[in-house]
């Protein structure tokens, strides 16, 4: 795999999003969706991506992640499920970081009388 996708590029592709997330949280206030929509969206994305990874492996015999090639069905399923849970966990970490930085300012931007979500979200800190 390193012949086609060098280690430095793999590292950059997986590290840069974390750096950009920190910058985004620090510089940009956001309004987050309801928890059920956020969880549903994250699980839909994770499920679609992991289904695609599995489909490509079944169709072409190439796994996107080398560890999946050596795992049997049950450990592979646990690995993929844990990956989906981690993606959801990263969403929650980003949301918590965001409200730690912007919580009170979001309430002022949205207006407490106009947006009941702003008040309930900042109280959850």
PDB file of N, CA and C in Angstrom:
ATOM      1  N   UNK A   1       0.818  -1.196   0.000  1.00  0.00           N
ATOM      2  CA  UNK A   1       0.000   0.000   0.000  1.00  0.00           C
ATOM      3  C   UNK A   1       0.865   1.264   0.000  1.00  0.00           C
ATOM      4  N   UNK A   2       2.038   1.207   0.658  1.00  0.00           N
ATOM      5  CA  UNK A   2       2.904   2.381   0.722  1.00  0.00           C
ATOM      6  C   UNK A   2       3.431   2.798  -0.644  1.00  0.00           C
ATOM      7  N   UNK A   3       3.408   1.880  -1.602  1.00  0.00           N
ATOM      8  CA  UNK A   3       3.860   2.221  -2.953  1.00  0.00           C
ATOM      9  C   UNK A   3       2.932   3.237  -3.587  1.00  0.00           C
ATOM     10  N   UNK A   4       1.627   3.081  -3.349  1.00  0.00           N
ATOM     11  CA  UNK A   4       0.645   3.960  -3.960  1.00  0.00           C
ATOM     12  C   UNK A   4       0.230   5.116  -3.053  1.00  0.00           C
ATOM     13  N   UNK A   5       0.380   4.900  -1.755  1.00  0.00           N
ATOM     14  CA  UNK A   5      -0.100   5.875  -0.778  1.00  0.00           C
ATOM     15  C   UNK A   5       0.964   6.006   0.302  1.00  0.00           C
ATOM     16  N   UNK A   6       1.916   6.919   0.133  1.00  0.00           N
ATOM     17  CA  UNK A   6       3.047   7.003   1.060  1.00  0.00           C
ATOM     18  C   UNK A   6       2.614   7.272   2.508  1.00  0.00           C
ATOM     19  N   UNK A   7       3.455   6.847   3.432  1.00  0.00           N
ATOM     20  CA  UNK A   7       3.150   6.983   4.860  1.00  0.00           C
ATOM     21  C   UNK A   7       2.940   8.440   5.259  1.00  0.00           C
ATOM     22  N   UNK A   8       3.724   9.376   4.696  1.00  0.00           N
ATOM     23  CA  UNK A   8       3.580  10.785   5.071  1.00  0.00           C
ATOM     24  C   UNK A   8       2.211  11.314   4.650  1.00  0.00           C
ATOM     25  N   UNK A   9       1.713  10.862   3.492  1.00  0.00           N
ATOM     26  CA  UNK A   9       0.405  11.310   3.023  1.00  0.00           C
ATOM     27  C   UNK A   9      -0.707  10.705   3.877  1.00  0.00           C
ATOM     28  N   UNK A  10      -0.570   9.452   4.237  1.00  0.00           N
ATOM     29  CA  UNK A  10      -1.540   8.806   5.110  1.00  0.00           C
ATOM     30  C   UNK A  10      -1.610   9.537   6.454  1.00  0.00           C
ATOM     31  N   UNK A  11      -0.447   9.868   6.995  1.00  0.00           N
ATOM     32  CA  UNK A  11      -0.399  10.600   8.264  1.00  0.00           C
ATOM     33  C   UNK A  11      -1.053  11.978   8.122  1.00  0.00           C
ATOM     34  N   UNK A  12      -0.745  12.686   7.049  1.00  0.00           N
ATOM     35  CA  UNK A  12      -1.306  14.023   6.834  1.00  0.00           C
ATOM     36  C   UNK A  12      -2.830  13.972   6.692  1.00  0.00           C
ATOM     37  N   UNK A  13      -3.328  12.992   5.960  1.00  0.00           N
ATOM     38  CA  UNK A  13      -4.768  12.876   5.734  1.00  0.00           C
ATOM     39  C   UNK A  13      -5.519  12.576   7.027  1.00  0.00           C
ATOM     40  N   UNK A  14      -4.873  11.881   7.955  1.00  0.00           N
ATOM     41  CA  UNK A  14      -5.543  11.524   9.194  1.00  0.00           C
ATOM     42  C   UNK A  14      -5.262  12.507  10.327  1.00  0.00           C
ATOM     43  N   UNK A  15      -4.230  13.329  10.213  1.00  0.00           N
ATOM     44  CA  UNK A  15      -3.889  14.296  11.257  1.00  0.00           C
ATOM     45  C   UNK A  15      -4.477  15.672  10.962  1.00  0.00           C
ATOM     46  N   UNK A  16      -4.459  16.093   9.724  1.00  0.00           N
ATOM     47  CA  UNK A  16      -4.934  17.424   9.359  1.00  0.00           C
ATOM     48  C   UNK A  16      -6.373  17.695   9.807  1.00  0.00           C
ATOM     49  N   UNK A  17      -7.298  16.752   9.681  1.00  0.00           N
ATOM     50  CA  UNK A  17      -8.659  17.045  10.165  1.00  0.00           C
ATOM     51  C   UNK A  17      -8.720  17.391  11.657  1.00  0.00           C
ATOM     52  N   UNK A  18      -7.878  16.782  12.471  1.00  0.00           N
ATOM     53  CA  UNK A  18      -7.866  17.095  13.898  1.00  0.00           C
ATOM     54  C   UNK A  18      -7.396  18.526  14.123  1.00  0.00           C
ATOM     55  N   UNK A  19      -6.339  18.908  13.427  1.00  0.00           N
ATOM     56  CA  UNK A  19      -5.817  20.270  13.549  1.00  0.00           C
ATOM     57  C   UNK A  19      -6.863  21.272  13.080  1.00  0.00           C
ATOM     58  N   UNK A  20      -7.511  20.997  11.955  1.00  0.00           N
ATOM     59  CA  UNK A  20      -8.539  21.902  11.442  1.00  0.00           C
ATOM     60  C   UNK A  20      -9.752  21.964  12.360  1.00  0.00           C
ATOM     61  N   UNK A  21     -10.087  20.837  13.019  1.00  0.00           N
ATOM     62  CA  UNK A  21     -11.199  20.850  13.969  1.00  0.00           C
ATOM     63  C   UNK A  21     -10.905  21.783  15.128  1.00  0.00           C
ATOM     64  N   UNK A  22      -9.682  21.705  15.671  1.00  0.00           N
ATOM     65  CA  UNK A  22      -9.320  22.608  16.763  1.00  0.00           C
ATOM     66  C   UNK A  22      -9.396  24.066  16.321  1.00  0.00           C
ATOM     67  N   UNK A  23      -8.897  24.357  15.129  1.00  0.00           N
ATOM     68  CA  UNK A  23      -8.955  25.724  14.619  1.00  0.00           C
ATOM     69  C   UNK A  23     -10.397  26.172  14.421  1.00  0.00           C
ATOM     70  N   UNK A  24     -11.231  25.298  13.878  1.00  0.00           N
ATOM     71  CA  UNK A  24     -12.636  25.630  13.650  1.00  0.00           C
ATOM     72  C   UNK A  24     -13.353  25.911  14.964  1.00  0.00           C
ATOM     73  N   UNK A  25     -13.124  25.065  15.956  1.00  0.00           N
ATOM     74  CA  UNK A  25     -13.760  25.257  17.259  1.00  0.00           C
ATOM     75  C   UNK A  25     -13.311  26.575  17.875  1.00  0.00           C
ATOM     76  N   UNK A  26     -12.052  26.898  17.726  1.00  0.00           N
ATOM     77  CA  UNK A  26     -11.508  28.108  18.341  1.00  0.00           C
ATOM     78  C   UNK A  26     -12.002  29.387  17.664  1.00  0.00           C
ATOM     79  N   UNK A  27     -12.116  29.377  16.336  1.00  0.00           N
ATOM     80  CA  UNK A  27     -12.410  30.611  15.606  1.00  0.00           C
ATOM     81  C   UNK A  27     -13.864  30.781  15.168  1.00  0.00           C
ATOM     82  N   UNK A  28     -14.684  29.723  15.189  1.00  0.00           N
ATOM     83  CA  UNK A  28     -16.009  29.809  14.590  1.00  0.00           C
ATOM     84  C   UNK A  28     -17.107  29.333  15.523  1.00  0.00           C
ATOM     85  N   UNK A  29     -18.000  30.225  15.960  1.00  0.00           N
ATOM     86  CA  UNK A  29     -19.160  29.762  16.736  1.00  0.00           C
ATOM     87  C   UNK A  29     -20.160  29.073  15.805  1.00  0.00           C
ATOM     88  N   UNK A  30     -20.779  28.016  16.286  1.00  0.00           N
ATOM     89  CA  UNK A  30     -21.727  27.251  15.473  1.00  0.00           C
ATOM     90  C   UNK A  30     -23.014  27.012  16.251  1.00  0.00           C
ATOM     91  N   UNK A  31     -24.060  26.730  15.529  1.00  0.00           N
ATOM     92  CA  UNK A  31     -25.307  26.263  16.122  1.00  0.00           C
ATOM     93  C   UNK A  31     -25.413  24.780  15.791  1.00  0.00           C
ATOM     94  N   UNK A  32     -25.498  23.952  16.796  1.00  0.00           N
ATOM     95  CA  UNK A  32     -25.534  22.511  16.597  1.00  0.00           C
ATOM     96  C   UNK A  32     -26.966  22.022  16.420  1.00  0.00           C
ATOM     97  N   UNK A  33     -27.144  20.948  15.655  1.00  0.00           N
ATOM     98  CA  UNK A  33     -28.489  20.386  15.478  1.00  0.00           C
ATOM     99  C   UNK A  33     -28.933  19.661  16.748  1.00  0.00           C
ATOM    100  N   UNK A  34     -30.189  19.251  16.753  1.00  0.00           N
ATOM    101  CA  UNK A  34     -30.683  18.450  17.869  1.00  0.00           C
ATOM    102  C   UNK A  34     -29.861  17.175  17.972  1.00  0.00           C
ATOM    103  N   UNK A  35     -29.750  16.651  19.186  1.00  0.00           N
ATOM    104  CA  UNK A  35     -28.927  15.455  19.417  1.00  0.00           C
ATOM    105  C   UNK A  35     -29.366  14.282  18.544  1.00  0.00           C
ATOM    106  N   UNK A  36     -30.678  14.067  18.414  1.00  0.00           N
ATOM    107  CA  UNK A  36     -31.136  12.917  17.628  1.00  0.00           C
ATOM    108  C   UNK A  36     -30.731  13.048  16.159  1.00  0.00           C
ATOM    109  N   UNK A  37     -30.809  14.264  15.615  1.00  0.00           N
ATOM    110  CA  UNK A  37     -30.394  14.467  14.225  1.00  0.00           C
ATOM    111  C   UNK A  37     -28.887  14.316  14.073  1.00  0.00           C
ATOM    112  N   UNK A  38     -28.140  14.821  15.044  1.00  0.00           N
ATOM    113  CA  UNK A  38     -26.682  14.711  14.988  1.00  0.00           C
ATOM    114  C   UNK A  38     -26.246  13.252  15.058  1.00  0.00           C
ATOM    115  N   UNK A  39     -26.829  12.494  15.971  1.00  0.00           N
ATOM    116  CA  UNK A  39     -26.491  11.075  16.106  1.00  0.00           C
ATOM    117  C   UNK A  39     -26.903  10.315  14.844  1.00  0.00           C
ATOM    118  N   UNK A  40     -28.098  10.578  14.350  1.00  0.00           N
ATOM    119  CA  UNK A  40     -28.566   9.901  13.136  1.00  0.00           C
ATOM    120  C   UNK A  40     -27.663  10.215  11.944  1.00  0.00           C
ATOM    121  N   UNK A  41     -27.289  11.460  11.790  1.00  0.00           N
ATOM    122  CA  UNK A  41     -26.404  11.847  10.687  1.00  0.00           C
ATOM    123  C   UNK A  41     -25.041  11.197  10.788  1.00  0.00           C
ATOM    124  N   UNK A  42     -24.469  11.201  11.981  1.00  0.00           N
ATOM    125  CA  UNK A  42     -23.163  10.569  12.174  1.00  0.00           C
ATOM    126  C   UNK A  42     -23.218   9.069  11.941  1.00  0.00           C
ATOM    127  N   UNK A  43     -24.256   8.422  12.461  1.00  0.00           N
ATOM    128  CA  UNK A  43     -24.378   6.978  12.253  1.00  0.00           C
ATOM    129  C   UNK A  43     -24.654   6.641  10.784  1.00  0.00           C
ATOM    130  N   UNK A  44     -25.429   7.476  10.105  1.00  0.00           N
ATOM    131  CA  UNK A  44     -25.680   7.250   8.677  1.00  0.00           C
ATOM    132  C   UNK A  44     -24.380   7.377   7.878  1.00  0.00           C
ATOM    133  N   UNK A  45     -23.585   8.404   8.182  1.00  0.00           N
ATOM    134  CA  UNK A  45     -22.300   8.576   7.501  1.00  0.00           C
ATOM    135  C   UNK A  45     -21.380   7.395   7.793  1.00  0.00           C
ATOM    136  N   UNK A  46     -21.256   7.045   9.078  1.00  0.00           N
ATOM    137  CA  UNK A  46     -20.378   5.943   9.469  1.00  0.00           C
ATOM    138  C   UNK A  46     -20.816   4.636   8.821  1.00  0.00           C
ATOM    139  N   UNK A  47     -22.105   4.367   8.876  1.00  0.00           N
ATOM    140  CA  UNK A  47     -22.620   3.139   8.280  1.00  0.00           C
ATOM    141  C   UNK A  47     -22.381   3.075   6.792  1.00  0.00           C
ATOM    142  N   UNK A  48     -22.594   4.181   6.106  1.00  0.00           N
ATOM    143  CA  UNK A  48     -22.370   4.228   4.659  1.00  0.00           C
ATOM    144  C   UNK A  48     -20.901   4.009   4.326  1.00  0.00           C
ATOM    145  N   UNK A  49     -20.028   4.699   5.054  1.00  0.00           N
ATOM    146  CA  UNK A  49     -18.589   4.564   4.805  1.00  0.00           C
ATOM    147  C   UNK A  49     -18.110   3.136   5.083  1.00  0.00           C
ATOM    148  N   UNK A  50     -18.501   2.573   6.208  1.00  0.00           N
ATOM    149  CA  UNK A  50     -18.041   1.240   6.553  1.00  0.00           C
ATOM    150  C   UNK A  50     -18.650   0.177   5.643  1.00  0.00           C
ATOM    151  N   UNK A  51     -19.862   0.405   5.178  1.00  0.00           N
ATOM    152  CA  UNK A  51     -20.456  -0.495   4.187  1.00  0.00           C
ATOM    153  C   UNK A  51     -19.674  -0.434   2.882  1.00  0.00           C
ATOM    154  N   UNK A  52     -19.276   0.760   2.481  1.00  0.00           N
ATOM    155  CA  UNK A  52     -18.487   0.931   1.255  1.00  0.00           C
ATOM    156  C   UNK A  52     -17.129   0.240   1.380  1.00  0.00           C
ATOM    157  N   UNK A  53     -16.480   0.396   2.530  1.00  0.00           N
ATOM    158  CA  UNK A  53     -15.186  -0.261   2.764  1.00  0.00           C
ATOM    159  C   UNK A  53     -15.350  -1.778   2.631  1.00  0.00           C
ATOM    160  N   UNK A  54     -16.403  -2.313   3.217  1.00  0.00           N
ATOM    161  CA  UNK A  54     -16.660  -3.756   3.151  1.00  0.00           C
ATOM    162  C   UNK A  54     -17.001  -4.195   1.731  1.00  0.00           C
ATOM    163  N   UNK A  55     -17.808  -3.413   1.034  1.00  0.00           N
ATOM    164  CA  UNK A  55     -18.182  -3.742  -0.351  1.00  0.00           C
ATOM    165  C   UNK A  55     -16.944  -3.790  -1.247  1.00  0.00           C
ATOM    166  N   UNK A  56     -16.088  -2.781  -1.145  1.00  0.00           N
ATOM    167  CA  UNK A  56     -14.871  -2.745  -1.968  1.00  0.00           C
ATOM    168  C   UNK A  56     -14.005  -3.968  -1.689  1.00  0.00           C
ATOM    169  N   UNK A  57     -13.891  -4.335  -0.405  1.00  0.00           N
ATOM    170  CA  UNK A  57     -13.083  -5.507  -0.053  1.00  0.00           C
ATOM    171  C   UNK A  57     -13.684  -6.787  -0.628  1.00  0.00           C
ATOM    172  N   UNK A  58     -15.000  -6.921  -0.568  1.00  0.00           N
ATOM    173  CA  UNK A  58     -15.645  -8.127  -1.085  1.00  0.00           C
ATOM    174  C   UNK A  58     -15.579  -8.191  -2.603  1.00  0.00           C
ATOM    175  N   UNK A  59     -15.730  -7.052  -3.243  1.00  0.00           N
ATOM    176  CA  UNK A  59     -15.755  -6.989  -4.709  1.00  0.00           C
ATOM    177  C   UNK A  59     -14.353  -7.115  -5.321  1.00  0.00           C
ATOM    178  N   UNK A  60     -13.362  -6.410  -4.712  1.00  0.00           N
ATOM    179  CA  UNK A  60     -12.037  -6.326  -5.331  1.00  0.00           C
ATOM    180  C   UNK A  60     -10.938  -7.011  -4.522  1.00  0.00           C
ATOM    181  N   UNK A  61     -11.265  -7.475  -3.314  1.00  0.00           N
ATOM    182  CA  UNK A  61     -10.269  -8.178  -2.516  1.00  0.00           C
ATOM    183  C   UNK A  61      -9.226  -7.285  -1.878  1.00  0.00           C
ATOM    184  N   UNK A  62      -9.496  -5.990  -1.764  1.00  0.00           N
ATOM    185  CA  UNK A  62      -8.542  -5.047  -1.177  1.00  0.00           C
ATOM    186  C   UNK A  62      -9.227  -4.310  -0.031  1.00  0.00           C
ATOM    187  N   UNK A  63      -8.646  -4.422   1.152  1.00  0.00           N
ATOM    188  CA  UNK A  63      -9.190  -3.718   2.306  1.00  0.00           C
ATOM    189  C   UNK A  63      -8.560  -2.339   2.401  1.00  0.00           C
ATOM    190  N   UNK A  64      -9.337  -1.348   2.778  1.00  0.00           N
ATOM    191  CA  UNK A  64      -8.831   0.016   2.929  1.00  0.00           C
ATOM    192  C   UNK A  64      -7.870   0.120   4.107  1.00  0.00           C
ATOM    193  N   UNK A  65      -8.040  -0.740   5.091  1.00  0.00           N
ATOM    194  CA  UNK A  65      -7.194  -0.753   6.283  1.00  0.00           C
ATOM    195  C   UNK A  65      -6.609  -2.150   6.431  1.00  0.00           C
ATOM    196  N   UNK A  66      -5.293  -2.231   6.494  1.00  0.00           N
ATOM    197  CA  UNK A  66      -4.603  -3.525   6.504  1.00  0.00           C
ATOM    198  C   UNK A  66      -5.059  -4.436   7.634  1.00  0.00           C
ATOM    199  N   UNK A  67      -5.408  -3.877   8.774  1.00  0.00           N
ATOM    200  CA  UNK A  67      -5.821  -4.706   9.908  1.00  0.00           C
ATOM    201  C   UNK A  67      -7.085  -5.509   9.589  1.00  0.00           C
ATOM    202  N   UNK A  68      -7.955  -4.957   8.760  1.00  0.00           N
ATOM    203  CA  UNK A  68      -9.192  -5.662   8.418  1.00  0.00           C
ATOM    204  C   UNK A  68      -8.924  -6.931   7.616  1.00  0.00           C
ATOM    205  N   UNK A  69      -7.816  -6.958   6.932  1.00  0.00           N
ATOM    206  CA  UNK A  69      -7.461  -8.119   6.118  1.00  0.00           C
ATOM    207  C   UNK A  69      -7.103  -9.331   6.982  1.00  0.00           C
ATOM    208  N   UNK A  70      -6.502  -9.099   8.133  1.00  0.00           N
ATOM    209  CA  UNK A  70      -6.051 -10.215   8.970  1.00  0.00           C
ATOM    210  C   UNK A  70      -7.080 -10.635  10.020  1.00  0.00           C
ATOM    211  N   UNK A  71      -8.107  -9.827  10.241  1.00  0.00           N
ATOM    212  CA  UNK A  71      -9.122 -10.163  11.236  1.00  0.00           C
ATOM    213  C   UNK A  71     -10.169 -11.115  10.656  1.00  0.00           C
ATOM    214  N   UNK A  72     -10.660 -12.006  11.491  1.00  0.00           N
ATOM    215  CA  UNK A  72     -11.769 -12.854  11.067  1.00  0.00           C
ATOM    216  C   UNK A  72     -13.065 -12.047  11.183  1.00  0.00           C
ATOM    217  N   UNK A  73     -14.186 -12.650  10.866  1.00  0.00           N
ATOM    218  CA  UNK A  73     -15.457 -11.930  10.754  1.00  0.00           C
ATOM    219  C   UNK A  73     -15.880 -11.243  12.056  1.00  0.00           C
ATOM    220  N   UNK A  74     -15.838 -11.964  13.174  1.00  0.00           N
ATOM    221  CA  UNK A  74     -16.312 -11.377  14.439  1.00  0.00           C
ATOM    222  C   UNK A  74     -15.412 -10.231  14.904  1.00  0.00           C
ATOM    223  N   UNK A  75     -14.084 -10.412  14.979  1.00  0.00           N
ATOM    224  CA  UNK A  75     -13.252  -9.271  15.366  1.00  0.00           C
ATOM    225  C   UNK A  75     -13.353  -8.099  14.378  1.00  0.00           C
ATOM    226  N   UNK A  76     -13.499  -8.420  13.091  1.00  0.00           N
ATOM    227  CA  UNK A  76     -13.643  -7.359  12.089  1.00  0.00           C
ATOM    228  C   UNK A  76     -14.930  -6.574  12.337  1.00  0.00           C
ATOM    229  N   UNK A  77     -16.009  -7.267  12.650  1.00  0.00           N
ATOM    230  CA  UNK A  77     -17.280  -6.595  12.947  1.00  0.00           C
ATOM    231  C   UNK A  77     -17.159  -5.718  14.186  1.00  0.00           C
ATOM    232  N   UNK A  78     -16.486  -6.236  15.211  1.00  0.00           N
ATOM    233  CA  UNK A  78     -16.260  -5.441  16.420  1.00  0.00           C
ATOM    234  C   UNK A  78     -15.408  -4.214  16.121  1.00  0.00           C
ATOM    235  N   UNK A  79     -14.397  -4.379  15.284  1.00  0.00           N
ATOM    236  CA  UNK A  79     -13.531  -3.259  14.904  1.00  0.00           C
ATOM    237  C   UNK A  79     -14.338  -2.186  14.172  1.00  0.00           C
ATOM    238  N   UNK A  80     -15.166  -2.607  13.221  1.00  0.00           N
ATOM    239  CA  UNK A  80     -15.967  -1.644  12.464  1.00  0.00           C
ATOM    240  C   UNK A  80     -16.998  -0.954  13.357  1.00  0.00           C
ATOM    241  N   UNK A  81     -17.624  -1.711  14.265  1.00  0.00           N
ATOM    242  CA  UNK A  81     -18.572  -1.115  15.200  1.00  0.00           C
ATOM    243  C   UNK A  81     -17.902  -0.116  16.134  1.00  0.00           C
ATOM    244  N   UNK A  82     -16.710  -0.477  16.610  1.00  0.00           N
ATOM    245  CA  UNK A  82     -15.954   0.443  17.458  1.00  0.00           C
ATOM    246  C   UNK A  82     -15.561   1.702  16.683  1.00  0.00           C
ATOM    247  N   UNK A  83     -15.233   1.535  15.414  1.00  0.00           N
ATOM    248  CA  UNK A  83     -14.894   2.692  14.576  1.00  0.00           C
ATOM    249  C   UNK A  83     -16.081   3.650  14.460  1.00  0.00           C
ATOM    250  N   UNK A  84     -17.267   3.092  14.258  1.00  0.00           N
ATOM    251  CA  UNK A  84     -18.468   3.927  14.174  1.00  0.00           C
ATOM    252  C   UNK A  84     -18.712   4.647  15.500  1.00  0.00           C
ATOM    253  N   UNK A  85     -18.515   3.938  16.609  1.00  0.00           N
ATOM    254  CA  UNK A  85     -18.690   4.555  17.934  1.00  0.00           C
ATOM    255  C   UNK A  85     -17.666   5.654  18.162  1.00  0.00           C
ATOM    256  N   UNK A  86     -16.446   5.450  17.681  1.00  0.00           N
ATOM    257  CA  UNK A  86     -15.422   6.485  17.838  1.00  0.00           C
ATOM    258  C   UNK A  86     -15.754   7.738  17.033  1.00  0.00           C
ATOM    259  N   UNK A  87     -16.298   7.557  15.837  1.00  0.00           N
ATOM    260  CA  UNK A  87     -16.698   8.723  15.030  1.00  0.00           C
ATOM    261  C   UNK A  87     -17.751   9.522  15.774  1.00  0.00           C
ATOM    262  N   UNK A  88     -18.707   8.835  16.367  1.00  0.00           N
ATOM    263  CA  UNK A  88     -19.728   9.506  17.162  1.00  0.00           C
ATOM    264  C   UNK A  88     -19.102  10.171  18.387  1.00  0.00           C
ATOM    265  N   UNK A  89     -18.157   9.506  19.005  1.00  0.00           N
ATOM    266  CA  UNK A  89     -17.449  10.087  20.148  1.00  0.00           C
ATOM    267  C   UNK A  89     -16.701  11.349  19.771  1.00  0.00           C
ATOM    268  N   UNK A  90     -16.067  11.354  18.609  1.00  0.00           N
ATOM    269  CA  UNK A  90     -15.365  12.548  18.154  1.00  0.00           C
ATOM    270  C   UNK A  90     -16.331  13.716  17.952  1.00  0.00           C
ATOM    271  N   UNK A  91     -17.532  13.420  17.498  1.00  0.00           N
ATOM    272  CA  UNK A  91     -18.545  14.474  17.354  1.00  0.00           C
ATOM    273  C   UNK A  91     -18.838  15.090  18.724  1.00  0.00           C
ATOM    274  N   UNK A  92     -19.050  14.239  19.719  1.00  0.00           N
ATOM    275  CA  UNK A  92     -19.367  14.742  21.064  1.00  0.00           C
ATOM    276  C   UNK A  92     -18.209  15.537  21.657  1.00  0.00           C
ATOM    277  N   UNK A  93     -16.979  15.084  21.429  1.00  0.00           N
ATOM    278  CA  UNK A  93     -15.810  15.824  21.917  1.00  0.00           C
ATOM    279  C   UNK A  93     -15.764  17.203  21.267  1.00  0.00           C
ATOM    280  N   UNK A  94     -15.981  17.257  19.959  1.00  0.00           N
ATOM    281  CA  UNK A  94     -15.988  18.547  19.256  1.00  0.00           C
ATOM    282  C   UNK A  94     -17.094  19.456  19.762  1.00  0.00           C
ATOM    283  N   UNK A  95     -18.258  18.888  20.002  1.00  0.00           N
ATOM    284  CA  UNK A  95     -19.371  19.685  20.513  1.00  0.00           C
ATOM    285  C   UNK A  95     -19.066  20.218  21.911  1.00  0.00           C
ATOM    286  N   UNK A  96     -18.521  19.379  22.780  1.00  0.00           N
ATOM    287  CA  UNK A  96     -18.173  19.819  24.136  1.00  0.00           C
ATOM    288  C   UNK A  96     -17.108  20.909  24.092  1.00  0.00           C
ATOM    289  N   UNK A  97     -16.107  20.730  23.247  1.00  0.00           N
ATOM    290  CA  UNK A  97     -15.061  21.752  23.118  1.00  0.00           C
ATOM    291  C   UNK A  97     -15.664  23.063  22.633  1.00  0.00           C
ATOM    292  N   UNK A  98     -16.589  22.960  21.695  1.00  0.00           N
ATOM    293  CA  UNK A  98     -17.222  24.148  21.145  1.00  0.00           C
ATOM    294  C   UNK A  98     -17.982  24.913  22.222  1.00  0.00           C
ATOM    295  N   UNK A  99     -18.777  24.210  23.010  1.00  0.00           N
ATOM    296  CA  UNK A  99     -19.550  24.891  24.041  1.00  0.00           C
ATOM    297  C   UNK A  99     -18.686  25.352  25.198  1.00  0.00           C
ATOM    298  N   UNK A 100     -17.546  24.720  25.408  1.00  0.00           N
ATOM    299  CA  UNK A 100     -16.597  25.211  26.399  1.00  0.00           C
ATOM    300  C   UNK A 100     -16.059  26.576  25.968  1.00  0.00           C
ATOM    301  N   UNK A 101     -15.793  26.720  24.664  1.00  0.00           N
ATOM    302  CA  UNK A 101     -15.239  27.981  24.141  1.00  0.00           C
ATOM    303  C   UNK A 101     -16.327  29.024  23.886  1.00  0.00           C
ATOM    304  N   UNK A 102     -17.439  28.625  23.295  1.00  0.00           N
ATOM    305  CA  UNK A 102     -18.413  29.590  22.793  1.00  0.00           C
ATOM    306  C   UNK A 102     -19.756  29.582  23.514  1.00  0.00           C
ATOM    307  N   UNK A 103     -19.983  28.734  24.467  1.00  0.00           N
ATOM    308  CA  UNK A 103     -21.288  28.536  25.073  1.00  0.00           C
ATOM    309  C   UNK A 103     -22.062  29.799  25.377  1.00  0.00           C
ATOM    310  N   UNK A 104     -21.506  30.701  26.172  1.00  0.00           N
ATOM    311  CA  UNK A 104     -22.243  31.905  26.571  1.00  0.00           C
ATOM    312  C   UNK A 104     -22.405  32.865  25.399  1.00  0.00           C
ATOM    313  N   UNK A 105     -21.459  32.895  24.480  1.00  0.00           N
ATOM    314  CA  UNK A 105     -21.566  33.795  23.333  1.00  0.00           C
ATOM    315  C   UNK A 105     -22.606  33.318  22.338  1.00  0.00           C
ATOM    316  N   UNK A 106     -22.787  32.005  22.216  1.00  0.00           N
ATOM    317  CA  UNK A 106     -23.821  31.465  21.329  1.00  0.00           C
ATOM    318  C   UNK A 106     -25.181  31.926  21.828  1.00  0.00           C
ATOM    319  N   UNK A 107     -25.382  31.886  23.126  1.00  0.00           N
ATOM    320  CA  UNK A 107     -26.655  32.326  23.694  1.00  0.00           C
ATOM    321  C   UNK A 107     -26.902  33.784  23.347  1.00  0.00           C
ATOM    322  N   UNK A 108     -25.888  34.620  23.417  1.00  0.00           N
ATOM    323  CA  UNK A 108     -26.036  36.035  23.096  1.00  0.00           C
ATOM    324  C   UNK A 108     -26.301  36.240  21.604  1.00  0.00           C
ATOM    325  N   UNK A 109     -25.655  35.441  20.773  1.00  0.00           N
ATOM    326  CA  UNK A 109     -25.840  35.575  19.327  1.00  0.00           C
ATOM    327  C   UNK A 109     -27.254  35.168  18.930  1.00  0.00           C
ATOM    328  N   UNK A 110     -27.722  34.026  19.457  1.00  0.00           N
ATOM    329  CA  UNK A 110     -29.034  33.523  19.079  1.00  0.00           C
ATOM    330  C   UNK A 110     -30.158  34.260  19.788  1.00  0.00           C
ATOM    331  N   UNK A 111     -29.904  34.783  20.947  1.00  0.00           N
ATOM    332  CA  UNK A 111     -30.952  35.446  21.713  1.00  0.00           C
ATOM    333  C   UNK A 111     -31.716  34.436  22.534  1.00  0.00           C
ATOM    334  N   UNK A 112     -31.726  34.582  23.836  1.00  0.00           N
ATOM    335  CA  UNK A 112     -32.335  33.569  24.693  1.00  0.00           C
ATOM    336  C   UNK A 112     -33.843  33.503  24.521  1.00  0.00           C
ATOM    337  N   UNK A 113     -34.490  34.609  24.225  1.00  0.00           N
ATOM    338  CA  UNK A 113     -35.947  34.587  24.079  1.00  0.00           C
ATOM    339  C   UNK A 113     -36.361  33.945  22.760  1.00  0.00           C
ATOM    340  N   UNK A 114     -35.546  34.109  21.728  1.00  0.00           N
ATOM    341  CA  UNK A 114     -35.917  33.599  20.415  1.00  0.00           C
ATOM    342  C   UNK A 114     -35.556  32.123  20.236  1.00  0.00           C
ATOM    343  N   UNK A 115     -34.518  31.664  20.920  1.00  0.00           N
ATOM    344  CA  UNK A 115     -34.053  30.302  20.698  1.00  0.00           C
ATOM    345  C   UNK A 115     -33.942  29.548  22.014  1.00  0.00           C
ATOM    346  N   UNK A 116     -34.926  28.710  22.326  1.00  0.00           N
ATOM    347  CA  UNK A 116     -34.861  27.957  23.576  1.00  0.00           C
ATOM    348  C   UNK A 116     -33.699  26.972  23.592  1.00  0.00           C
ATOM    349  N   UNK A 117     -33.251  26.536  22.437  1.00  0.00           N
ATOM    350  CA  UNK A 117     -32.120  25.590  22.380  1.00  0.00           C
ATOM    351  C   UNK A 117     -30.851  26.213  22.896  1.00  0.00           C
ATOM    352  N   UNK A 118     -30.669  27.519  22.642  1.00  0.00           N
ATOM    353  CA  UNK A 118     -29.422  28.166  23.070  1.00  0.00           C
ATOM    354  C   UNK A 118     -29.281  28.093  24.578  1.00  0.00           C
ATOM    355  N   UNK A 119     -30.345  28.376  25.279  1.00  0.00           N
ATOM    356  CA  UNK A 119     -30.293  28.336  26.730  1.00  0.00           C
ATOM    357  C   UNK A 119     -30.102  26.937  27.257  1.00  0.00           C
ATOM    358  N   UNK A 120     -30.791  25.948  26.673  1.00  0.00           N
ATOM    359  CA  UNK A 120     -30.675  24.585  27.183  1.00  0.00           C
ATOM    360  C   UNK A 120     -29.315  24.001  26.854  1.00  0.00           C
ATOM    361  N   UNK A 121     -28.726  24.369  25.729  1.00  0.00           N
ATOM    362  CA  UNK A 121     -27.433  23.827  25.358  1.00  0.00           C
ATOM    363  C   UNK A 121     -26.335  24.361  26.269  1.00  0.00           C
ATOM    364  N   UNK A 122     -26.390  25.655  26.589  1.00  0.00           N
ATOM    365  CA  UNK A 122     -25.319  26.218  27.398  1.00  0.00           C
ATOM    366  C   UNK A 122     -25.435  25.784  28.850  1.00  0.00           C
ATOM    367  N   UNK A 123     -26.611  25.466  29.336  1.00  0.00           N
ATOM    368  CA  UNK A 123     -26.777  25.000  30.701  1.00  0.00           C
ATOM    369  C   UNK A 123     -26.209  23.592  30.864  1.00  0.00           C
ATOM    370  N   UNK A 124     -26.137  22.833  29.779  1.00  0.00           N
ATOM    371  CA  UNK A 124     -25.678  21.449  29.840  1.00  0.00           C
ATOM    372  C   UNK A 124     -24.175  21.356  30.054  1.00  0.00           C
ATOM    373  N   UNK A 125     -23.466  22.467  30.016  1.00  0.00           N
ATOM    374  CA  UNK A 125     -22.027  22.429  30.201  1.00  0.00           C
ATOM    375  C   UNK A 125     -21.762  21.867  31.509  1.00  0.00           C
TER     376      UNK A 125
END
